[in-house]
Amino acid sequence: MSSSRLGLRLAVCLLNISEARRKYIVENIAKAALLEKNGQKHAEVSVLNIFSDQEYNRSVITIAASVAELGNSILAACLEAFQSIDMEVQEGIHPCLGAVDLIPIYPLSGVGVEECGAVARSLAENLVQCVPGCSVFLFGEADLPEKRTLVQRRKQLGWFTRRDFGALKPDLGVAPARRCGLTGIGASPYVMNCNVTIDSQDLALGKKIASAIRGSNVNGLKGVQTMAFPHEGKIEIACNVESFEDQEVTETSEGSQYMAYSILGDHFYYLSPHYIEAQVKKLASDQGIGITGRALIGFTPQECKNCAEYAIKEGIGEFWKIRRGIFM
């Protein structure tokens, strides 16, 4: 049964928090997203997935909901996170600036990206009012009128290279407090996270491969943003895979290179995780090394929509506990 037949207009947040080593804290944050202020469960909210990486000390909590409920649900999770995570003592190899580092909101069904941007802006305003010391930068459809991308904002703020809170200038809130740090909030078409691990400890080589497939570079992969990190004794190529609208894709794609989906009659495309893996494998092979695996952090856009519809239809708030037995 589709979400339109269910009467639901669905959106999702991939909440990035700077904690993975204390499982109970991560799960408490996820569970907070499911409760209203009176302690009752939200009827139209489900936590679809929790992905935690202890070496990165970073977790991604996938919160799906009707667009009317999503902002309040994310706010509840953030309030719990800011009480539990202290950026003054946080350690991890993944770049981050905030205890709640990133709040991207994506449309799933019956909702446009502009409406998700309005939800993101309202959430940002509520967050800085509710959390002393919280400060926010905006991106995508929440960043009006410029609509600067997440990558543009991160470069402007030095997200990739520093943890100097004092020099940061937020869009909303006071100068970042050292405990809270700086939180990014925005909206865009769905961005998938896909990581490929190469069988090497050579970070320079990993960065070379990451650069070769980065969409902003010549002959790079369209819509793919990349970084390379040491990870569990190997090098991981971490990819953010953006959805985009492009009429030429159906004419220029080769095989199953691109995947497609539609929302409100708009057609979106993104690169297949299998294709990304194959390109990394080829580049690594050219250097005489192999790959050891690929990890999809959560879902493809279609999988996320299907899981959200099922979980909300069945009233399963803690869907992350059972998802592998149903869809995977």
C-alpha atoms as a PDB file:
ATOM      1  CA  MET A   1       0.000   0.000   0.000  1.00  0.00           C
ATOM      2  CA  SER A   2       1.461   3.374  -1.018  1.00  0.00           C
ATOM      3  CA  SER A   3       1.839   6.279   1.371  1.00  0.00           C
ATOM      4  CA  SER A   4      -0.639   8.292  -0.692  1.00  0.00           C
ATOM      5  CA  ARG A   5      -3.285   5.630  -0.111  1.00  0.00           C
ATOM      6  CA  LEU A   6      -2.374   5.663   3.569  1.00  0.00           C
ATOM      7  CA  GLY A   7      -2.994   9.411   3.625  1.00  0.00           C
ATOM      8  CA  LEU A   8       0.601  10.082   4.716  1.00  0.00           C
ATOM      9  CA  ARG A   9       2.963  12.734   3.451  1.00  0.00           C
ATOM     10  CA  LEU A  10       6.356  11.404   4.466  1.00  0.00           C
ATOM     11  CA  ALA A  11       9.804  12.885   5.049  1.00  0.00           C
ATOM     12  CA  VAL A  12      12.924  11.566   6.725  1.00  0.00           C
ATOM     13  CA  CYS A  13      15.866  12.890   8.743  1.00  0.00           C
ATOM     14  CA  LEU A  14      19.268  11.206   8.860  1.00  0.00           C
ATOM     15  CA  LEU A  15      20.272  12.613  12.239  1.00  0.00           C
ATOM     16  CA  ASN A  16      24.084  12.656  12.604  1.00  0.00           C
ATOM     17  CA  ILE A  17      25.266  12.732  16.227  1.00  0.00           C
ATOM     18  CA  SER A  18      28.823  12.776  17.567  1.00  0.00           C
ATOM     19  CA  GLU A  19      28.475   9.652  19.715  1.00  0.00           C
ATOM     20  CA  ALA A  20      28.764   5.940  18.981  1.00  0.00           C
ATOM     21  CA  ARG A  21      30.750   4.400  21.823  1.00  0.00           C
ATOM     22  CA  ARG A  22      27.994   4.574  24.429  1.00  0.00           C
ATOM     23  CA  LYS A  23      25.175   2.526  22.912  1.00  0.00           C
ATOM     24  CA  TYR A  24      22.659   3.372  25.614  1.00  0.00           C
ATOM     25  CA  ILE A  25      23.000   7.103  24.876  1.00  0.00           C
ATOM     26  CA  VAL A  26      22.496   6.582  21.150  1.00  0.00           C
ATOM     27  CA  GLU A  27      19.400   4.456  21.765  1.00  0.00           C
ATOM     28  CA  ASN A  28      18.011   6.956  24.280  1.00  0.00           C
ATOM     29  CA  ILE A  29      18.301   9.663  21.639  1.00  0.00           C
ATOM     30  CA  ALA A  30      16.518   7.440  19.117  1.00  0.00           C
ATOM     31  CA  LYS A  31      13.746   6.590  21.570  1.00  0.00           C
ATOM     32  CA  ALA A  32      13.239  10.271  22.428  1.00  0.00           C
ATOM     33  CA  ALA A  33      12.253  10.858  18.797  1.00  0.00           C
ATOM     34  CA  LEU A  34       9.286   8.534  19.266  1.00  0.00           C
ATOM     35  CA  LEU A  35       7.684  10.323  22.217  1.00  0.00           C
ATOM     36  CA  GLU A  36       5.441  13.353  22.449  1.00  0.00           C
ATOM     37  CA  LYS A  37       5.850  15.850  25.310  1.00  0.00           C
ATOM     38  CA  ASN A  38       3.224  13.977  27.352  1.00  0.00           C
ATOM     39  CA  GLY A  39       5.192  10.734  27.044  1.00  0.00           C
ATOM     40  CA  GLN A  40       2.803   9.149  24.561  1.00  0.00           C
ATOM     41  CA  LYS A  41       4.193   7.582  21.395  1.00  0.00           C
ATOM     42  CA  HIS A  42       3.955   9.501  18.153  1.00  0.00           C
ATOM     43  CA  ALA A  43       1.569   7.594  15.900  1.00  0.00           C
ATOM     44  CA  GLU A  44       3.284   8.653  12.685  1.00  0.00           C
ATOM     45  CA  VAL A  45       6.981   8.442  13.598  1.00  0.00           C
ATOM     46  CA  SER A  46       9.410   5.543  13.265  1.00  0.00           C
ATOM     47  CA  VAL A  47      13.152   5.185  13.810  1.00  0.00           C
ATOM     48  CA  LEU A  48      14.056   3.040  10.820  1.00  0.00           C
ATOM     49  CA  ASN A  49      17.761   2.512  11.420  1.00  0.00           C
ATOM     50  CA  ILE A  50      20.659   3.253  13.757  1.00  0.00           C
ATOM     51  CA  PHE A  51      24.175   3.064  12.331  1.00  0.00           C
ATOM     52  CA  SER A  52      27.040   3.590  14.771  1.00  0.00           C
ATOM     53  CA  ASP A  53      30.753   3.600  14.017  1.00  0.00           C
ATOM     54  CA  GLN A  54      32.883   3.474  17.149  1.00  0.00           C
ATOM     55  CA  GLU A  55      36.129   4.511  15.485  1.00  0.00           C
ATOM     56  CA  TYR A  56      34.444   7.543  13.924  1.00  0.00           C
ATOM     57  CA  ASN A  57      32.467   8.022  17.180  1.00  0.00           C
ATOM     58  CA  ARG A  58      29.511   9.004  15.029  1.00  0.00           C
ATOM     59  CA  SER A  59      25.991   7.617  14.672  1.00  0.00           C
ATOM     60  CA  VAL A  60      23.316   8.172  12.041  1.00  0.00           C
ATOM     61  CA  ILE A  61      19.731   7.771  13.276  1.00  0.00           C
ATOM     62  CA  THR A  62      17.115   7.510  10.512  1.00  0.00           C
ATOM     63  CA  ILE A  63      13.858   9.121  11.675  1.00  0.00           C
ATOM     64  CA  ALA A  64      10.870   8.899   9.296  1.00  0.00           C
ATOM     65  CA  ALA A  65       7.553  10.588   9.929  1.00  0.00           C
ATOM     66  CA  SER A  66       4.647  12.459   8.459  1.00  0.00           C
ATOM     67  CA  VAL A  67       5.950  15.885   7.551  1.00  0.00           C
ATOM     68  CA  ALA A  68       3.654  17.440  10.171  1.00  0.00           C
ATOM     69  CA  GLU A  69       5.286  15.417  12.976  1.00  0.00           C
ATOM     70  CA  LEU A  70       8.898  15.231  11.840  1.00  0.00           C
ATOM     71  CA  GLY A  71      10.109  18.571  13.204  1.00  0.00           C
ATOM     72  CA  ASN A  72       8.865  17.910  16.746  1.00  0.00           C
ATOM     73  CA  SER A  73      10.275  14.393  16.653  1.00  0.00           C
ATOM     74  CA  ILE A  74      13.739  15.594  15.614  1.00  0.00           C
ATOM     75  CA  LEU A  75      13.615  18.341  18.240  1.00  0.00           C
ATOM     76  CA  ALA A  76      12.943  15.789  20.999  1.00  0.00           C
ATOM     77  CA  ALA A  77      15.873  13.651  19.841  1.00  0.00           C
ATOM     78  CA  CYS A  78      18.163  16.705  19.719  1.00  0.00           C
ATOM     79  CA  LEU A  79      17.222  17.801  23.230  1.00  0.00           C
ATOM     80  CA  GLU A  80      18.244  14.366  24.508  1.00  0.00           C
ATOM     81  CA  ALA A  81      21.463  14.478  22.477  1.00  0.00           C
ATOM     82  CA  PHE A  82      22.559  17.879  23.758  1.00  0.00           C
ATOM     83  CA  GLN A  83      22.048  16.702  27.342  1.00  0.00           C
ATOM     84  CA  SER A  84      24.219  13.629  26.776  1.00  0.00           C
ATOM     85  CA  ILE A  85      27.060  14.643  24.412  1.00  0.00           C
ATOM     86  CA  ASP A  86      29.818  17.078  25.356  1.00  0.00           C
ATOM     87  CA  MET A  87      31.969  18.312  22.482  1.00  0.00           C
ATOM     88  CA  GLU A  88      34.709  19.399  24.899  1.00  0.00           C
ATOM     89  CA  VAL A  89      35.566  15.746  25.518  1.00  0.00           C
ATOM     90  CA  GLN A  90      34.322  14.144  22.284  1.00  0.00           C
ATOM     91  CA  GLU A  91      36.953  12.219  20.312  1.00  0.00           C
ATOM     92  CA  GLY A  92      36.763  10.497  16.943  1.00  0.00           C
ATOM     93  CA  ILE A  93      38.507  10.513  13.569  1.00  0.00           C
ATOM     94  CA  HIS A  94      35.467  11.718  11.608  1.00  0.00           C
ATOM     95  CA  PRO A  95      35.232  15.505  11.196  1.00  0.00           C
ATOM     96  CA  CYS A  96      32.484  17.130  13.253  1.00  0.00           C
ATOM     97  CA  LEU A  97      31.609  20.486  14.752  1.00  0.00           C
ATOM     98  CA  GLY A  98      28.524  19.708  16.818  1.00  0.00           C
ATOM     99  CA  ALA A  99      27.184  17.290  19.410  1.00  0.00           C
ATOM    100  CA  VAL A 100      24.292  17.104  16.978  1.00  0.00           C
ATOM    101  CA  ASP A 101      26.459  17.555  13.912  1.00  0.00           C
ATOM    102  CA  LEU A 102      24.012  17.375  11.024  1.00  0.00           C
ATOM    103  CA  ILE A 103      20.228  17.397  10.551  1.00  0.00           C
ATOM    104  CA  PRO A 104      19.391  16.838   6.874  1.00  0.00           C
ATOM    105  CA  ILE A 105      15.699  16.455   5.974  1.00  0.00           C
ATOM    106  CA  TYR A 106      14.642  14.699   2.767  1.00  0.00           C
ATOM    107  CA  PRO A 107      11.218  14.216   1.133  1.00  0.00           C
ATOM    108  CA  LEU A 108       9.996  10.643   0.714  1.00  0.00           C
ATOM    109  CA  SER A 109       6.428  10.771  -0.573  1.00  0.00           C
ATOM    110  CA  GLY A 110       3.806  13.431  -1.198  1.00  0.00           C
ATOM    111  CA  VAL A 111       6.118  16.199   0.021  1.00  0.00           C
ATOM    112  CA  GLY A 112       8.344  18.606  -1.908  1.00  0.00           C
ATOM    113  CA  VAL A 113      11.854  19.648  -0.939  1.00  0.00           C
ATOM    114  CA  GLU A 114      10.667  23.235  -0.392  1.00  0.00           C
ATOM    115  CA  GLU A 115       8.299  22.091   2.366  1.00  0.00           C
ATOM    116  CA  CYS A 116      11.142  20.115   3.946  1.00  0.00           C
ATOM    117  CA  GLY A 117      13.157  23.329   3.885  1.00  0.00           C
ATOM    118  CA  ALA A 118      10.398  25.094   5.820  1.00  0.00           C
ATOM    119  CA  VAL A 119      10.402  22.276   8.400  1.00  0.00           C
ATOM    120  CA  ALA A 120      14.184  22.593   8.707  1.00  0.00           C
ATOM    121  CA  ARG A 121      14.064  26.368   9.243  1.00  0.00           C
ATOM    122  CA  SER A 122      11.328  26.053  11.876  1.00  0.00           C
ATOM    123  CA  LEU A 123      13.320  23.328  13.627  1.00  0.00           C
ATOM    124  CA  ALA A 124      16.445  25.496  13.636  1.00  0.00           C
ATOM    125  CA  GLU A 125      14.568  28.363  15.262  1.00  0.00           C
ATOM    126  CA  ASN A 126      13.058  26.085  17.910  1.00  0.00           C
ATOM    127  CA  LEU A 127      16.383  24.423  18.644  1.00  0.00           C
ATOM    128  CA  VAL A 128      18.285  27.626  19.402  1.00  0.00           C
ATOM    129  CA  GLN A 129      15.412  28.733  21.668  1.00  0.00           C
ATOM    130  CA  CYS A 130      15.289  25.447  23.580  1.00  0.00           C
ATOM    131  CA  VAL A 131      19.008  24.694  23.983  1.00  0.00           C
ATOM    132  CA  PRO A 132      21.237  27.333  25.646  1.00  0.00           C
ATOM    133  CA  GLY A 133      24.486  27.604  23.719  1.00  0.00           C
ATOM    134  CA  CYS A 134      23.115  25.895  20.609  1.00  0.00           C
ATOM    135  CA  SER A 135      24.015  27.495  17.288  1.00  0.00           C
ATOM    136  CA  VAL A 136      23.047  26.544  13.759  1.00  0.00           C
ATOM    137  CA  PHE A 137      24.163  26.916  10.166  1.00  0.00           C
ATOM    138  CA  LEU A 138      21.659  26.365   7.361  1.00  0.00           C
ATOM    139  CA  PHE A 139      22.099  24.669   3.992  1.00  0.00           C
ATOM    140  CA  GLY A 140      20.093  23.649   0.948  1.00  0.00           C
ATOM    141  CA  GLU A 141      16.423  24.597   0.896  1.00  0.00           C
ATOM    142  CA  ALA A 142      16.663  25.921   4.464  1.00  0.00           C
ATOM    143  CA  ASP A 143      19.334  28.457   3.473  1.00  0.00           C
ATOM    144  CA  LEU A 144      17.287  31.198   1.838  1.00  0.00           C
ATOM    145  CA  PRO A 145      17.754  32.891  -0.498  1.00  0.00           C
ATOM    146  CA  GLU A 146      21.203  31.499  -1.441  1.00  0.00           C
ATOM    147  CA  LYS A 147      20.383  27.784  -1.020  1.00  0.00           C
ATOM    148  CA  ARG A 148      24.060  26.988  -0.553  1.00  0.00           C
ATOM    149  CA  THR A 149      24.889  23.291  -0.547  1.00  0.00           C
ATOM    150  CA  LEU A 150      26.120  21.394   2.492  1.00  0.00           C
ATOM    151  CA  VAL A 151      29.578  21.088   0.931  1.00  0.00           C
ATOM    152  CA  GLN A 152      29.738  24.859   0.343  1.00  0.00           C
ATOM    153  CA  ARG A 153      28.740  25.617   3.930  1.00  0.00           C
ATOM    154  CA  ARG A 154      31.168  23.083   5.378  1.00  0.00           C
ATOM    155  CA  LYS A 155      34.045  24.575   3.389  1.00  0.00           C
ATOM    156  CA  GLN A 156      33.110  28.076   4.534  1.00  0.00           C
ATOM    157  CA  LEU A 157      33.026  26.954   8.158  1.00  0.00           C
ATOM    158  CA  GLY A 158      36.170  24.810   8.106  1.00  0.00           C
ATOM    159  CA  TRP A 159      34.208  21.668   9.041  1.00  0.00           C
ATOM    160  CA  PHE A 160      36.737  19.415   7.332  1.00  0.00           C
ATOM    161  CA  THR A 161      39.812  20.703   9.157  1.00  0.00           C
ATOM    162  CA  ARG A 162      39.166  22.314  12.514  1.00  0.00           C
ATOM    163  CA  ARG A 163      37.385  22.352  15.840  1.00  0.00           C
ATOM    164  CA  ASP A 164      37.889  26.074  16.594  1.00  0.00           C
ATOM    165  CA  PHE A 165      34.431  27.032  17.818  1.00  0.00           C
ATOM    166  CA  GLY A 166      35.370  30.569  18.784  1.00  0.00           C
ATOM    167  CA  ALA A 167      35.836  31.744  15.193  1.00  0.00           C
ATOM    168  CA  LEU A 168      32.594  30.247  13.860  1.00  0.00           C
ATOM    169  CA  LYS A 169      29.705  32.513  12.873  1.00  0.00           C
ATOM    170  CA  PRO A 170      26.325  30.754  13.006  1.00  0.00           C
ATOM    171  CA  ASP A 171      23.236  31.668  11.010  1.00  0.00           C
ATOM    172  CA  LEU A 172      21.071  31.267  14.117  1.00  0.00           C
ATOM    173  CA  GLY A 173      21.890  31.312  17.815  1.00  0.00           C
ATOM    174  CA  VAL A 174      24.791  32.656  19.804  1.00  0.00           C
ATOM    175  CA  ALA A 175      28.475  31.978  19.180  1.00  0.00           C
ATOM    176  CA  PRO A 176      28.900  28.206  19.547  1.00  0.00           C
ATOM    177  CA  ALA A 177      29.342  26.960  23.115  1.00  0.00           C
ATOM    178  CA  ARG A 178      32.146  24.428  23.424  1.00  0.00           C
ATOM    179  CA  ARG A 179      29.784  21.791  24.821  1.00  0.00           C
ATOM    180  CA  CYS A 180      27.218  22.040  22.000  1.00  0.00           C
ATOM    181  CA  GLY A 181      29.353  23.074  19.049  1.00  0.00           C
ATOM    182  CA  LEU A 182      27.713  24.008  15.734  1.00  0.00           C
ATOM    183  CA  THR A 183      24.814  22.114  14.138  1.00  0.00           C
ATOM    184  CA  GLY A 184      23.989  22.014  10.415  1.00  0.00           C
ATOM    185  CA  ILE A 185      20.296  21.949   9.494  1.00  0.00           C
ATOM    186  CA  GLY A 186      18.923  21.816   5.970  1.00  0.00           C
ATOM    187  CA  ALA A 187      16.887  20.065   3.321  1.00  0.00           C
ATOM    188  CA  SER A 188      17.514  18.622  -0.123  1.00  0.00           C
ATOM    189  CA  PRO A 189      16.580  15.645  -2.274  1.00  0.00           C
ATOM    190  CA  TYR A 190      17.691  12.387  -0.626  1.00  0.00           C
ATOM    191  CA  VAL A 191      21.420  11.895   0.005  1.00  0.00           C
ATOM    192  CA  MET A 192      22.568   8.309   0.438  1.00  0.00           C
ATOM    193  CA  ASN A 193      25.706   7.342   2.374  1.00  0.00           C
ATOM    194  CA  CYS A 194      27.860   4.603   0.841  1.00  0.00           C
ATOM    195  CA  ASN A 195      31.352   3.648   2.042  1.00  0.00           C
ATOM    196  CA  VAL A 196      33.870   1.416   0.245  1.00  0.00           C
ATOM    197  CA  THR A 197      36.940   0.050   2.061  1.00  0.00           C
ATOM    198  CA  ILE A 198      40.207  -0.502   0.187  1.00  0.00           C
ATOM    199  CA  ASP A 199      42.736  -3.081   1.342  1.00  0.00           C
ATOM    200  CA  SER A 200      45.461  -0.585   2.158  1.00  0.00           C
ATOM    201  CA  GLN A 201      46.709   1.629   4.968  1.00  0.00           C
ATOM    202  CA  ASP A 202      47.938   4.297   2.537  1.00  0.00           C
ATOM    203  CA  LEU A 203      45.812   7.384   3.264  1.00  0.00           C
ATOM    204  CA  ALA A 204      47.381   9.343   0.396  1.00  0.00           C
ATOM    205  CA  LEU A 205      46.271   6.615  -2.016  1.00  0.00           C
ATOM    206  CA  GLY A 206      42.792   6.640  -0.484  1.00  0.00           C
ATOM    207  CA  LYS A 207      42.563  10.397  -0.978  1.00  0.00           C
ATOM    208  CA  LYS A 208      43.691   9.992  -4.590  1.00  0.00           C
ATOM    209  CA  ILE A 209      40.914   7.467  -5.263  1.00  0.00           C
ATOM    210  CA  ALA A 210      38.365   9.631  -3.443  1.00  0.00           C
ATOM    211  CA  SER A 211      39.377  12.618  -5.553  1.00  0.00           C
ATOM    212  CA  ALA A 212      39.125  10.616  -8.779  1.00  0.00           C
ATOM    213  CA  ILE A 213      35.461   9.714  -8.219  1.00  0.00           C
ATOM    214  CA  ARG A 214      34.405  13.045  -6.648  1.00  0.00           C
ATOM    215  CA  GLY A 215      31.659  14.578  -8.745  1.00  0.00           C
ATOM    216  CA  SER A 216      33.201  18.059  -8.774  1.00  0.00           C
ATOM    217  CA  ASN A 217      36.331  16.780 -10.528  1.00  0.00           C
ATOM    218  CA  VAL A 218      36.876  15.995 -14.199  1.00  0.00           C
ATOM    219  CA  ASN A 219      35.573  12.491 -15.020  1.00  0.00           C
ATOM    220  CA  GLY A 220      34.179  12.192 -11.489  1.00  0.00           C
ATOM    221  CA  LEU A 221      30.883  10.514 -10.659  1.00  0.00           C
ATOM    222  CA  LYS A 222      27.887  12.831 -10.862  1.00  0.00           C
ATOM    223  CA  GLY A 223      26.398  13.704  -7.478  1.00  0.00           C
ATOM    224  CA  VAL A 224      29.118  11.940  -5.452  1.00  0.00           C
ATOM    225  CA  GLN A 225      30.963  13.722  -2.613  1.00  0.00           C
ATOM    226  CA  THR A 226      33.915  11.851  -1.114  1.00  0.00           C
ATOM    227  CA  MET A 227      36.418  11.748   1.736  1.00  0.00           C
ATOM    228  CA  ALA A 228      39.010   9.144   2.739  1.00  0.00           C
ATOM    229  CA  PHE A 229      39.637   8.073   6.345  1.00  0.00           C
ATOM    230  CA  PRO A 230      41.762   5.506   8.189  1.00  0.00           C
ATOM    231  CA  HIS A 231      39.285   2.948   9.471  1.00  0.00           C
ATOM    232  CA  GLU A 232      39.872  -0.325  11.308  1.00  0.00           C
ATOM    233  CA  GLY A 233      43.355  -0.755   9.878  1.00  0.00           C
ATOM    234  CA  LYS A 234      42.295  -0.005   6.293  1.00  0.00           C
ATOM    235  CA  ILE A 235      41.251   3.082   4.326  1.00  0.00           C
ATOM    236  CA  GLU A 236      37.576   3.848   3.851  1.00  0.00           C
ATOM    237  CA  ILE A 237      36.280   5.905   0.932  1.00  0.00           C
ATOM    238  CA  ALA A 238      33.210   7.623   2.400  1.00  0.00           C
ATOM    239  CA  CYS A 239      30.695   8.777  -0.215  1.00  0.00           C
ATOM    240  CA  ASN A 240      27.676  11.034   0.032  1.00  0.00           C
ATOM    241  CA  VAL A 241      25.539  10.169  -2.990  1.00  0.00           C
ATOM    242  CA  GLU A 242      23.198  12.995  -3.960  1.00  0.00           C
ATOM    243  CA  SER A 243      19.908  12.677  -5.798  1.00  0.00           C
ATOM    244  CA  PHE A 244      19.537  15.062  -8.721  1.00  0.00           C
ATOM    245  CA  GLU A 245      17.148  15.998 -11.507  1.00  0.00           C
ATOM    246  CA  ASP A 246      18.709  15.575 -14.939  1.00  0.00           C
ATOM    247  CA  GLN A 247      16.833  14.912 -18.175  1.00  0.00           C
ATOM    248  CA  GLU A 248      20.036  13.716 -19.866  1.00  0.00           C
ATOM    249  CA  VAL A 249      20.674  10.853 -17.458  1.00  0.00           C
ATOM    250  CA  THR A 250      18.350   8.407 -19.201  1.00  0.00           C
ATOM    251  CA  GLU A 251      20.151   9.108 -22.483  1.00  0.00           C
ATOM    252  CA  THR A 252      23.742   8.921 -21.252  1.00  0.00           C
ATOM    253  CA  SER A 253      23.639   6.246 -18.541  1.00  0.00           C
ATOM    254  CA  GLU A 254      25.303   2.910 -19.118  1.00  0.00           C
ATOM    255  CA  GLY A 255      23.616  -0.250 -17.873  1.00  0.00           C
ATOM    256  CA  SER A 256      22.360   0.129 -14.322  1.00  0.00           C
ATOM    257  CA  GLN A 257      24.689   3.018 -13.494  1.00  0.00           C
ATOM    258  CA  TYR A 258      21.822   5.278 -12.372  1.00  0.00           C
ATOM    259  CA  MET A 259      18.802   4.505 -10.240  1.00  0.00           C
ATOM    260  CA  ALA A 260      15.597   6.548 -10.475  1.00  0.00           C
ATOM    261  CA  TYR A 261      12.597   7.447  -8.324  1.00  0.00           C
ATOM    262  CA  SER A 262       9.794  10.025  -8.372  1.00  0.00           C
ATOM    263  CA  ILE A 263       8.175  12.362  -5.842  1.00  0.00           C
ATOM    264  CA  LEU A 264       5.169  14.518  -6.746  1.00  0.00           C
ATOM    265  CA  GLY A 265       5.857  13.896 -10.424  1.00  0.00           C
ATOM    266  CA  ASP A 266       9.476  15.051 -10.219  1.00  0.00           C
ATOM    267  CA  HIS A 267      12.053  12.479 -11.344  1.00  0.00           C
ATOM    268  CA  PHE A 268      15.294  12.039  -9.428  1.00  0.00           C
ATOM    269  CA  TYR A 269      18.406   9.995 -10.188  1.00  0.00           C
ATOM    270  CA  TYR A 270      21.394   8.798  -8.180  1.00  0.00           C
ATOM    271  CA  LEU A 271      24.370   6.575  -8.813  1.00  0.00           C
ATOM    272  CA  SER A 272      23.962   2.921  -7.884  1.00  0.00           C
ATOM    273  CA  PRO A 273      26.013   1.807  -4.849  1.00  0.00           C
ATOM    274  CA  HIS A 274      27.158  -1.180  -6.910  1.00  0.00           C
ATOM    275  CA  TYR A 275      28.485   1.143  -9.615  1.00  0.00           C
ATOM    276  CA  ILE A 276      30.361   3.268  -7.062  1.00  0.00           C
ATOM    277  CA  GLU A 277      31.877   0.118  -5.575  1.00  0.00           C
ATOM    278  CA  ALA A 278      32.924  -1.055  -9.033  1.00  0.00           C
ATOM    279  CA  GLN A 279      34.636   2.256  -9.809  1.00  0.00           C
ATOM    280  CA  VAL A 280      36.554   2.242  -6.512  1.00  0.00           C
ATOM    281  CA  LYS A 281      37.512  -1.396  -7.119  1.00  0.00           C
ATOM    282  CA  LYS A 282      38.869  -0.538 -10.584  1.00  0.00           C
ATOM    283  CA  LEU A 283      40.893   2.420  -9.323  1.00  0.00           C
ATOM    284  CA  ALA A 284      42.276   0.368  -6.439  1.00  0.00           C
ATOM    285  CA  SER A 285      43.107  -2.498  -8.796  1.00  0.00           C
ATOM    286  CA  ASP A 286      45.074  -0.095 -10.987  1.00  0.00           C
ATOM    287  CA  GLN A 287      47.280   0.447  -7.915  1.00  0.00           C
ATOM    288  CA  GLY A 288      47.610  -3.279  -7.263  1.00  0.00           C
ATOM    289  CA  ILE A 289      45.227  -3.490  -4.304  1.00  0.00           C
ATOM    290  CA  GLY A 290      41.720  -4.790  -3.737  1.00  0.00           C
ATOM    291  CA  ILE A 291      38.674  -3.755  -1.769  1.00  0.00           C
ATOM    292  CA  THR A 292      37.377  -5.472   1.354  1.00  0.00           C
ATOM    293  CA  GLY A 293      33.732  -4.419   1.353  1.00  0.00           C
ATOM    294  CA  ARG A 294      30.989  -1.852   0.883  1.00  0.00           C
ATOM    295  CA  ALA A 295      28.622  -0.465   3.528  1.00  0.00           C
ATOM    296  CA  LEU A 296      25.350   1.312   2.791  1.00  0.00           C
ATOM    297  CA  ILE A 297      24.589   3.543   5.802  1.00  0.00           C
ATOM    298  CA  GLY A 298      20.853   3.010   6.049  1.00  0.00           C
ATOM    299  CA  PHE A 299      18.892   2.873   2.819  1.00  0.00           C
ATOM    300  CA  THR A 300      18.554   3.821  -0.794  1.00  0.00           C
ATOM    301  CA  PRO A 301      15.743   6.372  -1.341  1.00  0.00           C
ATOM    302  CA  GLN A 302      13.293   3.670  -2.444  1.00  0.00           C
ATOM    303  CA  GLU A 303      14.154   1.397   0.484  1.00  0.00           C
ATOM    304  CA  CYS A 304      13.705   4.273   2.916  1.00  0.00           C
ATOM    305  CA  LYS A 305      10.270   5.111   1.513  1.00  0.00           C
ATOM    306  CA  ASN A 306       9.148   1.469   1.595  1.00  0.00           C
ATOM    307  CA  CYS A 307      10.348   0.945   5.163  1.00  0.00           C
ATOM    308  CA  ALA A 308       8.776   4.205   6.340  1.00  0.00           C
ATOM    309  CA  GLU A 309       5.407   3.313   4.828  1.00  0.00           C
ATOM    310  CA  TYR A 310       5.463  -0.153   6.354  1.00  0.00           C
ATOM    311  CA  ALA A 311       6.650   0.924   9.798  1.00  0.00           C
ATOM    312  CA  ILE A 312       4.135   3.751  10.143  1.00  0.00           C
ATOM    313  CA  LYS A 313       1.255   1.702   8.726  1.00  0.00           C
ATOM    314  CA  GLU A 314       1.996  -1.049  11.273  1.00  0.00           C
ATOM    315  CA  GLY A 315       2.747   1.361  14.131  1.00  0.00           C
ATOM    316  CA  ILE A 316       6.317   0.119  14.606  1.00  0.00           C
ATOM    317  CA  GLY A 317       8.265   2.928  16.259  1.00  0.00           C
ATOM    318  CA  GLU A 318      11.450   0.954  16.941  1.00  0.00           C
ATOM    319  CA  PHE A 319      11.668  -0.424  13.421  1.00  0.00           C
ATOM    320  CA  TRP A 320      15.461  -0.537  13.590  1.00  0.00           C
ATOM    321  CA  LYS A 321      15.199  -3.563  15.871  1.00  0.00           C
ATOM    322  CA  ILE A 322      13.349  -5.713  13.317  1.00  0.00           C
ATOM    323  CA  ARG A 323      14.180  -4.270   9.865  1.00  0.00           C
ATOM    324  CA  ARG A 324      16.664  -6.953   8.825  1.00  0.00           C
ATOM    325  CA  GLY A 325      14.047  -9.653   9.227  1.00  0.00           C
ATOM    326  CA  ILE A 326      11.582  -7.879   6.964  1.00  0.00           C
ATOM    327  CA  PHE A 327      13.348  -6.072   4.149  1.00  0.00           C
ATOM    328  CA  MET A 328      17.016  -6.998   4.105  1.00  0.00           C
END
